[in-house]
Amino acid sequence: MSYSLVSLSFQFLTKHPAKRLGCGENGEQNIKDHVFFRHINWLKLISREVQPPFKPKIVSIHAGDCSVS
């Protein structure tokens, strides 16, 4: 795993809520500013201008069946 992913995981899983990433006064911005998300263009993402890297192929449209291929 990359350092940025390990760092992000530890900061999300910090036991003390006041020290946990995303739980402070600027929580959302602190998450967005983390090095793991450095390549994310948040304005394009919010505007739905970003193409997903993977789109699952849906096999069934029935409500109880969540099959993908």
C-alpha atoms as a PDB file:
ATOM      1  CA  MET A   1       0.000   0.000   0.000  1.00  0.00           C
ATOM      2  CA  SER A   2       1.116   3.525  -0.687  1.00  0.00           C
ATOM      3  CA  TYR A   3       2.143   5.853   2.107  1.00  0.00           C
ATOM      4  CA  SER A   4      -0.759   8.190   1.321  1.00  0.00           C
ATOM      5  CA  LEU A   5      -3.314   5.369   1.630  1.00  0.00           C
ATOM      6  CA  VAL A   6      -1.830   4.164   4.918  1.00  0.00           C
ATOM      7  CA  SER A   7      -1.794   7.735   6.216  1.00  0.00           C
ATOM      8  CA  LEU A   8      -5.415   8.287   5.192  1.00  0.00           C
ATOM      9  CA  SER A   9      -6.519   5.001   6.792  1.00  0.00           C
ATOM     10  CA  PHE A  10      -4.813   5.771  10.094  1.00  0.00           C
ATOM     11  CA  GLN A  11      -6.251   9.283  10.176  1.00  0.00           C
ATOM     12  CA  PHE A  12      -9.789   7.997   9.527  1.00  0.00           C
ATOM     13  CA  LEU A  13      -9.409   5.288  12.178  1.00  0.00           C
ATOM     14  CA  THR A  14      -7.966   7.498  14.923  1.00  0.00           C
ATOM     15  CA  LYS A  15      -9.710   6.546  18.150  1.00  0.00           C
ATOM     16  CA  HIS A  16     -10.060  10.067  19.573  1.00  0.00           C
ATOM     17  CA  PRO A  17     -12.858  11.816  17.597  1.00  0.00           C
ATOM     18  CA  ALA A  18     -11.371  15.299  17.961  1.00  0.00           C
ATOM     19  CA  LYS A  19      -8.139  14.116  16.294  1.00  0.00           C
ATOM     20  CA  ARG A  20      -9.823  12.033  13.567  1.00  0.00           C
ATOM     21  CA  LEU A  21      -9.565  13.252   9.971  1.00  0.00           C
ATOM     22  CA  GLY A  22     -12.785  14.936   8.934  1.00  0.00           C
ATOM     23  CA  CYS A  23     -14.060  15.568  12.451  1.00  0.00           C
ATOM     24  CA  GLY A  24     -12.601  19.010  13.045  1.00  0.00           C
ATOM     25  CA  GLU A  25     -13.930  22.438  12.253  1.00  0.00           C
ATOM     26  CA  ASN A  26     -12.742  22.183   8.629  1.00  0.00           C
ATOM     27  CA  GLY A  27     -13.360  18.448   8.406  1.00  0.00           C
ATOM     28  CA  GLU A  28     -14.534  18.156   4.812  1.00  0.00           C
ATOM     29  CA  GLN A  29     -11.780  20.433   3.531  1.00  0.00           C
ATOM     30  CA  ASN A  30      -9.150  18.535   5.528  1.00  0.00           C
ATOM     31  CA  ILE A  31     -10.220  15.311   3.805  1.00  0.00           C
ATOM     32  CA  LYS A  32     -10.167  16.947   0.363  1.00  0.00           C
ATOM     33  CA  ASP A  33      -6.688  18.381   1.054  1.00  0.00           C
ATOM     34  CA  HIS A  34      -5.179  15.026   2.059  1.00  0.00           C
ATOM     35  CA  VAL A  35      -2.352  13.889  -0.226  1.00  0.00           C
ATOM     36  CA  PHE A  36      -4.277  10.716  -1.176  1.00  0.00           C
ATOM     37  CA  PHE A  37      -6.854  12.845  -3.017  1.00  0.00           C
ATOM     38  CA  ARG A  38      -4.317  15.189  -4.685  1.00  0.00           C
ATOM     39  CA  HIS A  39      -5.365  14.186  -8.217  1.00  0.00           C
ATOM     40  CA  ILE A  40      -9.091  14.717  -7.616  1.00  0.00           C
ATOM     41  CA  ASN A  41     -10.617  17.779  -9.234  1.00  0.00           C
ATOM     42  CA  TRP A  42     -13.392  18.351  -6.707  1.00  0.00           C
ATOM     43  CA  LEU A  43     -15.236  20.963  -8.773  1.00  0.00           C
ATOM     44  CA  LYS A  44     -15.464  18.609 -11.759  1.00  0.00           C
ATOM     45  CA  LEU A  45     -16.471  15.725  -9.495  1.00  0.00           C
ATOM     46  CA  ILE A  46     -19.272  17.744  -7.899  1.00  0.00           C
ATOM     47  CA  SER A  47     -20.417  18.888 -11.354  1.00  0.00           C
ATOM     48  CA  ARG A  48     -20.456  15.229 -12.514  1.00  0.00           C
ATOM     49  CA  GLU A  49     -17.916  15.967 -15.233  1.00  0.00           C
ATOM     50  CA  VAL A  50     -15.581  13.130 -14.173  1.00  0.00           C
ATOM     51  CA  GLN A  51     -15.889   9.744 -15.855  1.00  0.00           C
ATOM     52  CA  PRO A  52     -15.727   6.797 -13.441  1.00  0.00           C
ATOM     53  CA  PRO A  53     -12.680   4.555 -13.933  1.00  0.00           C
ATOM     54  CA  PHE A  54     -14.879   1.445 -13.875  1.00  0.00           C
ATOM     55  CA  LYS A  55     -18.511   0.848 -14.773  1.00  0.00           C
ATOM     56  CA  PRO A  56     -19.873  -2.588 -13.808  1.00  0.00           C
ATOM     57  CA  LYS A  57     -21.898  -4.410 -16.420  1.00  0.00           C
ATOM     58  CA  ILE A  58     -25.343  -5.073 -14.906  1.00  0.00           C
ATOM     59  CA  VAL A  59     -26.562  -8.612 -15.618  1.00  0.00           C
ATOM     60  CA  SER A  60     -29.978  -8.476 -13.984  1.00  0.00           C
ATOM     61  CA  ILE A  61     -32.431  -5.651 -13.327  1.00  0.00           C
ATOM     62  CA  HIS A  62     -34.462  -7.500 -10.679  1.00  0.00           C
ATOM     63  CA  ALA A  63     -34.544  -5.773  -7.289  1.00  0.00           C
ATOM     64  CA  GLY A  64     -33.249  -8.726  -5.247  1.00  0.00           C
ATOM     65  CA  ASP A  65     -30.530  -9.746  -7.690  1.00  0.00           C
ATOM     66  CA  CYS A  66     -27.314  -7.712  -7.543  1.00  0.00           C
ATOM     67  CA  SER A  67     -25.353  -9.726 -10.104  1.00  0.00           C
ATOM     68  CA  VAL A  68     -22.575  -8.014 -12.005  1.00  0.00           C
ATOM     69  CA  SER A  69     -20.091  -9.422 -14.438  1.00  0.00           C
END
